[in-house]
Amino acid sequence: MILIGIGANLANPPYGSPRATCGAALVALAETGVAVARRSPWYRTAPVPPSAQPWFVNGVVHVETDINPLELLNILLEIEVRFGRRRGAPNAPRVLDMDILAFDDLTIRSDDTISVPHPRMHQRAFVLFPLRDLCPEWRHPDSGHAIAELIAALPPDQAAEPMADGEGVFGTEWRPTD
């Protein structure tokens, strides 16, 4: 299973709110030929580490593709740039952030190029809560820990609140209008 994390905490003209930007990024991803099979509900999440910056909108998507992890990463980076992402200080506010969380059961560690599974995903409420909703039986490919165990180990200062979509639904089905 290929899982991608997506998030934003800054408005992004012409897309709008962080939630609207995340939805537009899913459409952009599908337009590259990477099939978005399902998505988690969207979550409103506290910045990590805690700071005064705006809260994020985060979700996780399950995608299907025949391309390799590095090609997928390049597509994600291209979408971020197209949406106006400018990399600066770590953990800074952003108009869009897209990360490969897991690529089947692969483990890839490459200096500055790619790390799969994402090296900090198990420490982030903004990843684990949406991932639990999408794939409740998922286990970390490296540690083998269940999603519930990872959530139980989160620090108490990480907050994640589910958001209803425009129709008041907390579903995991994806439509191109998401």
N, C-alpha and C. Protein backbone atom coordinates (compact mmCIF):
# COMPACT_ATOMS: atom_id res chain seq x y z
N MET A 1 0.84 -1.17 0.00
CA MET A 1 0.00 0.00 0.00
C MET A 1 0.89 1.24 0.00
N ILE A 2 0.59 2.17 -0.89
CA ILE A 2 1.34 3.41 -1.00
C ILE A 2 0.52 4.51 -0.33
N LEU A 3 1.12 5.15 0.67
CA LEU A 3 0.44 6.16 1.47
C LEU A 3 1.17 7.49 1.37
N ILE A 4 0.40 8.55 1.16
CA ILE A 4 0.95 9.90 1.06
C ILE A 4 0.28 10.77 2.10
N GLY A 5 1.08 11.54 2.83
CA GLY A 5 0.56 12.54 3.74
C GLY A 5 0.46 13.87 3.02
N ILE A 6 -0.59 14.62 3.33
CA ILE A 6 -0.79 15.92 2.70
C ILE A 6 -1.24 16.91 3.76
N GLY A 7 -0.73 18.13 3.67
CA GLY A 7 -1.12 19.13 4.64
C GLY A 7 -0.80 20.54 4.18
N ALA A 8 -1.42 21.51 4.85
CA ALA A 8 -1.19 22.93 4.58
C ALA A 8 -1.70 23.73 5.77
N ASN A 9 -1.08 24.90 5.99
CA ASN A 9 -1.62 25.78 7.03
C ASN A 9 -1.65 27.25 6.61
N LEU A 10 -1.38 27.52 5.34
CA LEU A 10 -1.47 28.88 4.82
C LEU A 10 -2.45 28.91 3.65
N ALA A 11 -3.22 29.97 3.56
CA ALA A 11 -4.09 30.15 2.40
C ALA A 11 -3.22 30.26 1.16
N ASN A 12 -3.77 29.86 0.03
CA ASN A 12 -2.99 29.78 -1.19
C ASN A 12 -3.80 30.28 -2.38
N PRO A 13 -3.69 31.57 -2.69
CA PRO A 13 -4.36 32.01 -3.92
C PRO A 13 -3.70 31.30 -5.08
N PRO A 14 -4.34 30.74 -6.02
CA PRO A 14 -5.76 30.84 -6.33
C PRO A 14 -6.61 29.72 -5.73
N TYR A 15 -6.04 28.84 -4.92
CA TYR A 15 -6.79 27.68 -4.44
C TYR A 15 -7.66 27.99 -3.23
N GLY A 16 -7.23 28.93 -2.40
CA GLY A 16 -8.04 29.31 -1.26
C GLY A 16 -7.48 28.83 0.06
N SER A 17 -8.37 28.35 0.91
CA SER A 17 -8.03 27.92 2.26
C SER A 17 -7.08 26.72 2.22
N PRO A 18 -6.42 26.43 3.35
CA PRO A 18 -5.58 25.22 3.38
C PRO A 18 -6.36 23.96 3.00
N ARG A 19 -7.61 23.84 3.45
CA ARG A 19 -8.42 22.66 3.10
C ARG A 19 -8.67 22.60 1.60
N ALA A 20 -9.00 23.73 0.99
CA ALA A 20 -9.23 23.77 -0.46
C ALA A 20 -7.94 23.46 -1.21
N THR A 21 -6.82 23.94 -0.71
CA THR A 21 -5.53 23.67 -1.35
C THR A 21 -5.22 22.17 -1.32
N CYS A 22 -5.46 21.53 -0.18
CA CYS A 22 -5.22 20.08 -0.09
C CYS A 22 -6.08 19.32 -1.10
N GLY A 23 -7.34 19.71 -1.23
CA GLY A 23 -8.22 19.07 -2.21
C GLY A 23 -7.73 19.28 -3.63
N ALA A 24 -7.29 20.50 -3.94
CA ALA A 24 -6.77 20.80 -5.28
C ALA A 24 -5.50 20.00 -5.55
N ALA A 25 -4.69 19.80 -4.53
CA ALA A 25 -3.46 19.01 -4.70
C ALA A 25 -3.78 17.56 -5.03
N LEU A 26 -4.86 17.02 -4.46
CA LEU A 26 -5.26 15.65 -4.80
C LEU A 26 -5.68 15.56 -6.26
N VAL A 27 -6.38 16.57 -6.75
CA VAL A 27 -6.76 16.60 -8.17
C VAL A 27 -5.50 16.67 -9.02
N ALA A 28 -4.54 17.52 -8.64
CA ALA A 28 -3.29 17.62 -9.39
C ALA A 28 -2.54 16.30 -9.40
N LEU A 29 -2.55 15.60 -8.28
CA LEU A 29 -1.89 14.29 -8.20
C LEU A 29 -2.55 13.31 -9.16
N ALA A 30 -3.86 13.25 -9.16
CA ALA A 30 -4.59 12.35 -10.06
C ALA A 30 -4.30 12.68 -11.51
N GLU A 31 -4.12 13.95 -11.82
CA GLU A 31 -3.84 14.36 -13.20
C GLU A 31 -2.47 13.88 -13.68
N THR A 32 -1.57 13.51 -12.77
CA THR A 32 -0.26 12.99 -13.17
C THR A 32 -0.32 11.50 -13.51
N GLY A 33 -1.48 10.88 -13.27
CA GLY A 33 -1.60 9.45 -13.51
C GLY A 33 -1.46 8.62 -12.26
N VAL A 34 -1.20 9.25 -11.12
CA VAL A 34 -1.16 8.54 -9.85
C VAL A 34 -2.60 8.47 -9.36
N ALA A 35 -3.15 7.28 -9.27
CA ALA A 35 -4.56 7.10 -8.93
C ALA A 35 -4.77 7.24 -7.43
N VAL A 36 -5.64 8.16 -7.05
CA VAL A 36 -6.01 8.33 -5.64
C VAL A 36 -7.15 7.34 -5.38
N ALA A 37 -6.85 6.28 -4.63
CA ALA A 37 -7.84 5.23 -4.37
C ALA A 37 -8.80 5.65 -3.26
N ARG A 38 -8.25 6.16 -2.15
CA ARG A 38 -9.06 6.58 -1.01
C ARG A 38 -8.31 7.65 -0.25
N ARG A 39 -9.06 8.42 0.52
CA ARG A 39 -8.41 9.41 1.39
C ARG A 39 -9.03 9.33 2.78
N SER A 40 -8.25 9.74 3.74
CA SER A 40 -8.75 9.82 5.11
C SER A 40 -9.66 11.03 5.23
N PRO A 41 -10.38 11.12 6.34
CA PRO A 41 -11.01 12.41 6.64
C PRO A 41 -9.91 13.45 6.85
N TRP A 42 -10.26 14.70 6.65
CA TRP A 42 -9.32 15.79 6.92
C TRP A 42 -9.30 16.05 8.42
N TYR A 43 -8.15 16.42 8.91
CA TYR A 43 -7.96 16.76 10.32
C TYR A 43 -7.42 18.17 10.45
N ARG A 44 -7.84 18.84 11.50
CA ARG A 44 -7.26 20.12 11.91
C ARG A 44 -6.23 19.74 12.96
N THR A 45 -4.97 20.12 12.73
CA THR A 45 -3.89 19.64 13.60
C THR A 45 -2.98 20.77 14.07
N ALA A 46 -2.49 20.61 15.28
CA ALA A 46 -1.57 21.59 15.87
C ALA A 46 -0.21 21.49 15.20
N PRO A 47 0.48 22.62 15.06
CA PRO A 47 1.84 22.58 14.50
C PRO A 47 2.78 21.78 15.40
N VAL A 48 3.75 21.13 14.77
CA VAL A 48 4.77 20.37 15.49
C VAL A 48 6.12 20.92 15.04
N PRO A 49 6.96 21.37 15.99
CA PRO A 49 6.70 21.52 17.42
C PRO A 49 5.68 22.63 17.66
N PRO A 50 5.09 22.65 18.88
CA PRO A 50 4.10 23.69 19.17
C PRO A 50 4.65 25.09 18.91
N SER A 51 3.83 25.92 18.28
CA SER A 51 4.24 27.29 17.97
C SER A 51 2.99 28.14 17.77
N ALA A 52 3.18 29.41 17.50
CA ALA A 52 2.07 30.34 17.30
C ALA A 52 1.56 30.34 15.86
N GLN A 53 2.16 29.55 14.98
CA GLN A 53 1.69 29.55 13.60
C GLN A 53 0.29 28.92 13.50
N PRO A 54 -0.42 29.16 12.39
CA PRO A 54 -1.77 28.61 12.25
C PRO A 54 -1.76 27.08 12.28
N TRP A 55 -2.89 26.53 12.76
CA TRP A 55 -3.05 25.08 12.72
C TRP A 55 -3.11 24.61 11.27
N PHE A 56 -2.83 23.33 11.07
CA PHE A 56 -2.79 22.72 9.74
C PHE A 56 -4.09 22.00 9.42
N VAL A 57 -4.29 21.74 8.15
CA VAL A 57 -5.25 20.75 7.67
C VAL A 57 -4.38 19.61 7.15
N ASN A 58 -4.64 18.38 7.63
CA ASN A 58 -3.85 17.22 7.22
C ASN A 58 -4.75 16.04 6.88
N GLY A 59 -4.25 15.20 6.01
CA GLY A 59 -4.91 13.96 5.67
C GLY A 59 -3.91 12.97 5.12
N VAL A 60 -4.37 11.77 4.88
CA VAL A 60 -3.54 10.71 4.29
C VAL A 60 -4.32 10.13 3.12
N VAL A 61 -3.62 9.87 2.03
CA VAL A 61 -4.25 9.24 0.87
C VAL A 61 -3.55 7.94 0.52
N HIS A 62 -4.36 7.01 0.09
CA HIS A 62 -3.86 5.73 -0.45
C HIS A 62 -3.88 5.90 -1.96
N VAL A 63 -2.70 5.74 -2.59
CA VAL A 63 -2.61 5.88 -4.04
C VAL A 63 -2.17 4.58 -4.67
N GLU A 64 -2.44 4.48 -5.97
CA GLU A 64 -2.00 3.32 -6.74
C GLU A 64 -1.23 3.83 -7.95
N THR A 65 -0.06 3.24 -8.17
CA THR A 65 0.78 3.64 -9.28
C THR A 65 1.79 2.54 -9.58
N ASP A 66 2.31 2.55 -10.80
CA ASP A 66 3.35 1.60 -11.18
C ASP A 66 4.73 2.23 -11.13
N ILE A 67 4.82 3.51 -10.78
CA ILE A 67 6.12 4.17 -10.76
C ILE A 67 6.86 3.84 -9.46
N ASN A 68 8.16 4.10 -9.47
CA ASN A 68 8.97 3.78 -8.29
C ASN A 68 8.91 4.93 -7.28
N PRO A 69 9.37 4.69 -6.05
CA PRO A 69 9.26 5.71 -5.01
C PRO A 69 9.94 7.05 -5.36
N LEU A 70 11.10 7.01 -6.00
CA LEU A 70 11.78 8.25 -6.34
C LEU A 70 10.99 9.05 -7.37
N GLU A 71 10.41 8.37 -8.36
CA GLU A 71 9.57 9.06 -9.34
C GLU A 71 8.35 9.68 -8.66
N LEU A 72 7.76 8.95 -7.73
CA LEU A 72 6.61 9.48 -7.00
C LEU A 72 7.01 10.70 -6.18
N LEU A 73 8.14 10.64 -5.51
CA LEU A 73 8.61 11.78 -4.73
C LEU A 73 8.79 13.00 -5.63
N ASN A 74 9.37 12.80 -6.80
CA ASN A 74 9.56 13.93 -7.72
C ASN A 74 8.24 14.54 -8.16
N ILE A 75 7.23 13.71 -8.36
CA ILE A 75 5.89 14.23 -8.71
C ILE A 75 5.35 15.07 -7.55
N LEU A 76 5.48 14.58 -6.32
CA LEU A 76 5.00 15.33 -5.16
C LEU A 76 5.71 16.67 -5.04
N LEU A 77 7.03 16.66 -5.22
CA LEU A 77 7.79 17.90 -5.12
C LEU A 77 7.40 18.89 -6.22
N GLU A 78 7.15 18.38 -7.43
CA GLU A 78 6.71 19.24 -8.53
C GLU A 78 5.35 19.88 -8.23
N ILE A 79 4.44 19.10 -7.65
CA ILE A 79 3.13 19.64 -7.29
C ILE A 79 3.29 20.72 -6.22
N GLU A 80 4.11 20.46 -5.22
CA GLU A 80 4.34 21.47 -4.18
C GLU A 80 4.85 22.78 -4.78
N VAL A 81 5.81 22.70 -5.67
CA VAL A 81 6.36 23.90 -6.30
C VAL A 81 5.30 24.61 -7.13
N ARG A 82 4.52 23.85 -7.88
CA ARG A 82 3.45 24.44 -8.70
C ARG A 82 2.43 25.16 -7.82
N PHE A 83 2.23 24.66 -6.61
CA PHE A 83 1.28 25.29 -5.69
C PHE A 83 1.91 26.42 -4.87
N GLY A 84 3.17 26.72 -5.13
CA GLY A 84 3.81 27.85 -4.47
C GLY A 84 4.64 27.52 -3.25
N ARG A 85 4.94 26.26 -3.02
CA ARG A 85 5.76 25.88 -1.85
C ARG A 85 7.19 26.37 -2.05
N ARG A 86 7.70 27.05 -1.05
CA ARG A 86 9.09 27.49 -1.02
C ARG A 86 9.69 26.94 0.27
N ARG A 87 10.69 26.10 0.13
CA ARG A 87 11.30 25.49 1.31
C ARG A 87 12.20 26.49 2.02
N GLY A 88 12.02 26.56 3.32
CA GLY A 88 12.82 27.44 4.16
C GLY A 88 13.21 26.70 5.41
N ALA A 89 12.93 27.30 6.55
CA ALA A 89 13.25 26.69 7.83
C ALA A 89 12.40 25.45 8.06
N PRO A 90 12.95 24.43 8.70
CA PRO A 90 12.15 23.25 9.03
C PRO A 90 10.95 23.63 9.90
N ASN A 91 9.84 22.96 9.69
CA ASN A 91 8.61 23.14 10.46
C ASN A 91 7.97 24.51 10.28
N ALA A 92 8.33 25.22 9.21
CA ALA A 92 7.76 26.54 8.94
C ALA A 92 6.34 26.38 8.38
N PRO A 93 5.53 27.43 8.45
CA PRO A 93 4.22 27.39 7.81
C PRO A 93 4.39 27.09 6.32
N ARG A 94 3.35 26.50 5.71
CA ARG A 94 3.48 26.15 4.29
C ARG A 94 2.13 26.13 3.60
N VAL A 95 2.18 26.41 2.30
CA VAL A 95 0.97 26.38 1.49
C VAL A 95 0.61 24.95 1.10
N LEU A 96 1.60 24.06 1.08
CA LEU A 96 1.34 22.65 0.75
C LEU A 96 2.54 21.81 1.15
N ASP A 97 2.26 20.65 1.71
CA ASP A 97 3.29 19.68 2.06
C ASP A 97 2.77 18.31 1.68
N MET A 98 3.54 17.57 0.89
CA MET A 98 3.17 16.22 0.48
C MET A 98 4.37 15.31 0.71
N ASP A 99 4.15 14.20 1.43
CA ASP A 99 5.22 13.27 1.76
C ASP A 99 4.81 11.84 1.49
N ILE A 100 5.74 11.03 1.01
CA ILE A 100 5.52 9.59 0.95
C ILE A 100 5.66 9.08 2.38
N LEU A 101 4.60 8.50 2.91
CA LEU A 101 4.64 7.94 4.26
C LEU A 101 5.12 6.50 4.22
N ALA A 102 4.57 5.72 3.30
CA ALA A 102 4.93 4.31 3.16
C ALA A 102 4.74 3.92 1.70
N PHE A 103 5.59 3.05 1.23
CA PHE A 103 5.51 2.55 -0.13
C PHE A 103 5.58 1.03 -0.02
N ASP A 104 4.39 0.42 0.02
CA ASP A 104 4.29 -1.02 0.31
C ASP A 104 5.07 -1.30 1.60
N ASP A 105 5.88 -2.32 1.62
CA ASP A 105 6.66 -2.63 2.82
C ASP A 105 8.13 -2.27 2.63
N LEU A 106 8.42 -1.40 1.66
CA LEU A 106 9.80 -1.02 1.38
C LEU A 106 10.40 -0.18 2.50
N THR A 107 11.69 -0.36 2.69
CA THR A 107 12.48 0.51 3.53
C THR A 107 13.60 1.06 2.67
N ILE A 108 13.63 2.38 2.52
CA ILE A 108 14.64 3.05 1.70
C ILE A 108 15.22 4.17 2.55
N ARG A 109 16.52 4.18 2.69
CA ARG A 109 17.19 5.28 3.38
C ARG A 109 18.29 5.80 2.47
N SER A 110 18.14 7.03 2.04
CA SER A 110 19.10 7.66 1.16
C SER A 110 19.38 9.04 1.72
N ASP A 111 20.62 9.37 1.93
CA ASP A 111 21.02 10.64 2.56
C ASP A 111 19.96 11.73 2.46
N ASP A 112 20.02 12.53 1.43
CA ASP A 112 19.12 13.67 1.31
C ASP A 112 18.06 13.46 0.25
N THR A 113 17.97 12.28 -0.33
CA THR A 113 17.06 12.08 -1.44
C THR A 113 15.69 11.58 -0.99
N ILE A 114 15.64 10.40 -0.38
CA ILE A 114 14.35 9.81 -0.03
C ILE A 114 14.50 8.90 1.18
N SER A 115 13.50 8.92 2.03
CA SER A 115 13.42 8.01 3.18
C SER A 115 12.00 7.46 3.23
N VAL A 116 11.90 6.14 3.16
CA VAL A 116 10.60 5.46 3.20
C VAL A 116 10.77 4.26 4.13
N PRO A 117 9.87 4.04 5.10
CA PRO A 117 8.78 4.91 5.47
C PRO A 117 9.30 6.24 5.98
N HIS A 118 8.41 7.23 6.02
CA HIS A 118 8.81 8.56 6.47
C HIS A 118 9.43 8.43 7.86
N PRO A 119 10.60 9.01 8.08
CA PRO A 119 11.33 8.76 9.32
C PRO A 119 10.68 9.28 10.60
N ARG A 120 9.73 10.23 10.51
CA ARG A 120 9.11 10.76 11.73
C ARG A 120 7.60 10.52 11.77
N MET A 121 7.09 9.75 10.84
CA MET A 121 5.64 9.57 10.78
C MET A 121 5.07 8.97 12.06
N HIS A 122 5.81 8.09 12.70
CA HIS A 122 5.34 7.42 13.91
C HIS A 122 5.28 8.35 15.13
N GLN A 123 5.79 9.58 14.97
CA GLN A 123 5.82 10.56 16.05
C GLN A 123 4.85 11.72 15.81
N ARG A 124 3.98 11.60 14.82
CA ARG A 124 3.16 12.73 14.40
C ARG A 124 1.67 12.40 14.42
N ALA A 125 0.93 13.08 15.30
CA ALA A 125 -0.53 12.90 15.35
C ALA A 125 -1.16 13.25 14.01
N PHE A 126 -0.61 14.26 13.32
CA PHE A 126 -1.20 14.69 12.06
C PHE A 126 -1.08 13.64 10.96
N VAL A 127 -0.25 12.64 11.17
CA VAL A 127 -0.17 11.50 10.25
C VAL A 127 -0.97 10.33 10.81
N LEU A 128 -0.78 10.01 12.08
CA LEU A 128 -1.33 8.78 12.64
C LEU A 128 -2.86 8.77 12.75
N PHE A 129 -3.46 9.89 13.14
CA PHE A 129 -4.92 9.88 13.26
C PHE A 129 -5.61 9.70 11.90
N PRO A 130 -5.22 10.47 10.87
CA PRO A 130 -5.85 10.20 9.56
C PRO A 130 -5.52 8.81 9.03
N LEU A 131 -4.30 8.34 9.27
CA LEU A 131 -3.91 7.01 8.81
C LEU A 131 -4.75 5.92 9.49
N ARG A 132 -5.02 6.10 10.77
CA ARG A 132 -5.86 5.12 11.49
C ARG A 132 -7.26 5.06 10.87
N ASP A 133 -7.81 6.21 10.50
CA ASP A 133 -9.14 6.23 9.89
C ASP A 133 -9.14 5.55 8.53
N LEU A 134 -8.06 5.73 7.79
CA LEU A 134 -7.96 5.16 6.45
C LEU A 134 -7.61 3.67 6.48
N CYS A 135 -6.69 3.29 7.34
CA CYS A 135 -6.17 1.91 7.38
C CYS A 135 -6.00 1.45 8.84
N PRO A 136 -7.09 1.11 9.52
CA PRO A 136 -6.99 0.80 10.95
C PRO A 136 -6.12 -0.41 11.28
N GLU A 137 -5.88 -1.27 10.32
CA GLU A 137 -5.06 -2.46 10.58
C GLU A 137 -3.59 -2.27 10.16
N TRP A 138 -3.23 -1.07 9.73
CA TRP A 138 -1.88 -0.80 9.23
C TRP A 138 -0.85 -0.99 10.34
N ARG A 139 0.31 -1.52 9.94
CA ARG A 139 1.45 -1.67 10.85
C ARG A 139 2.65 -1.00 10.22
N HIS A 140 3.47 -0.39 11.07
CA HIS A 140 4.67 0.29 10.59
C HIS A 140 5.60 -0.74 9.95
N PRO A 141 6.05 -0.50 8.71
CA PRO A 141 6.87 -1.50 8.01
C PRO A 141 8.19 -1.83 8.71
N ASP A 142 8.78 -0.88 9.43
CA ASP A 142 10.06 -1.15 10.10
C ASP A 142 9.87 -1.75 11.49
N SER A 143 9.05 -1.12 12.31
CA SER A 143 8.93 -1.55 13.71
C SER A 143 7.90 -2.66 13.90
N GLY A 144 6.94 -2.75 12.97
CA GLY A 144 5.86 -3.72 13.13
C GLY A 144 4.78 -3.28 14.10
N HIS A 145 4.92 -2.09 14.69
CA HIS A 145 3.92 -1.61 15.64
C HIS A 145 2.61 -1.30 14.94
N ALA A 146 1.52 -1.63 15.61
CA ALA A 146 0.18 -1.32 15.11
C ALA A 146 -0.07 0.17 15.27
N ILE A 147 -0.98 0.69 14.46
CA ILE A 147 -1.30 2.11 14.49
C ILE A 147 -1.78 2.54 15.88
N ALA A 148 -2.56 1.71 16.55
CA ALA A 148 -3.04 2.05 17.89
C ALA A 148 -1.88 2.20 18.88
N GLU A 149 -0.86 1.36 18.76
CA GLU A 149 0.31 1.47 19.64
C GLU A 149 1.06 2.77 19.39
N LEU A 150 1.19 3.12 18.12
CA LEU A 150 1.89 4.36 17.78
C LEU A 150 1.14 5.58 18.30
N ILE A 151 -0.17 5.57 18.18
CA ILE A 151 -0.98 6.69 18.69
C ILE A 151 -0.86 6.78 20.21
N ALA A 152 -0.88 5.65 20.89
CA ALA A 152 -0.78 5.65 22.35
C ALA A 152 0.55 6.22 22.82
N ALA A 153 1.59 6.15 22.00
CA ALA A 153 2.91 6.64 22.38
C ALA A 153 3.14 8.11 22.03
N LEU A 154 2.16 8.78 21.43
CA LEU A 154 2.33 10.18 21.04
C LEU A 154 2.46 11.08 22.27
N PRO A 155 3.25 12.15 22.14
CA PRO A 155 3.31 13.12 23.24
C PRO A 155 1.97 13.83 23.40
N PRO A 156 1.64 14.25 24.61
CA PRO A 156 0.33 14.85 24.87
C PRO A 156 0.12 16.22 24.22
N ASP A 157 1.19 16.88 23.76
CA ASP A 157 1.03 18.22 23.18
C ASP A 157 0.62 18.20 21.71
N GLN A 158 0.41 17.04 21.14
CA GLN A 158 -0.01 16.96 19.74
C GLN A 158 -1.53 16.79 19.68
N ALA A 159 -2.17 17.71 18.99
CA ALA A 159 -3.62 17.70 18.90
C ALA A 159 -4.05 17.47 17.45
N ALA A 160 -5.11 16.69 17.29
CA ALA A 160 -5.68 16.42 15.96
C ALA A 160 -7.18 16.28 16.12
N GLU A 161 -7.92 17.09 15.36
CA GLU A 161 -9.38 17.09 15.43
C GLU A 161 -9.95 16.79 14.05
N PRO A 162 -10.83 15.79 13.91
CA PRO A 162 -11.41 15.51 12.60
C PRO A 162 -12.27 16.67 12.12
N MET A 163 -12.23 16.91 10.81
CA MET A 163 -13.02 17.96 10.18
C MET A 163 -14.05 17.30 9.26
N ALA A 164 -15.25 17.80 9.27
CA ALA A 164 -16.25 17.32 8.30
C ALA A 164 -15.96 17.94 6.95
N ASP A 165 -16.27 17.21 5.88
CA ASP A 165 -16.13 17.80 4.55
C ASP A 165 -17.29 18.77 4.32
N GLY A 166 -17.39 19.32 3.14
CA GLY A 166 -18.41 20.31 2.84
C GLY A 166 -19.83 19.81 3.03
N GLU A 167 -20.01 18.49 3.01
CA GLU A 167 -21.34 17.90 3.17
C GLU A 167 -21.56 17.37 4.58
N GLY A 168 -20.63 17.67 5.50
CA GLY A 168 -20.76 17.21 6.87
C GLY A 168 -20.41 15.75 7.06
N VAL A 169 -19.69 15.17 6.12
CA VAL A 169 -19.37 13.74 6.15
C VAL A 169 -17.91 13.55 6.53
N PHE A 170 -17.63 12.52 7.32
CA PHE A 170 -16.28 12.18 7.72
C PHE A 170 -15.81 10.93 6.96
N GLY A 171 -16.07 10.84 5.68
CA GLY A 171 -15.82 9.63 4.92
C GLY A 171 -14.42 9.49 4.37
N THR A 172 -14.14 8.32 3.79
CA THR A 172 -12.84 8.04 3.21
C THR A 172 -12.91 7.82 1.70
N GLU A 173 -14.05 8.06 1.12
CA GLU A 173 -14.15 7.94 -0.34
C GLU A 173 -13.60 9.22 -0.95
N TRP A 174 -12.93 9.08 -2.06
CA TRP A 174 -12.35 10.26 -2.72
C TRP A 174 -13.10 10.54 -3.99
N ARG A 175 -13.41 11.81 -4.18
CA ARG A 175 -14.02 12.28 -5.42
C ARG A 175 -13.12 13.37 -5.96
N PRO A 176 -13.02 13.53 -7.27
CA PRO A 176 -12.14 14.57 -7.82
C PRO A 176 -12.50 15.96 -7.32
N THR A 177 -13.66 16.17 -6.75
CA THR A 177 -14.03 17.49 -6.22
C THR A 177 -13.46 17.70 -4.82
N ASP A 178 -12.82 16.67 -4.23
CA ASP A 178 -12.24 16.79 -2.90
C ASP A 178 -11.05 17.70 -2.94
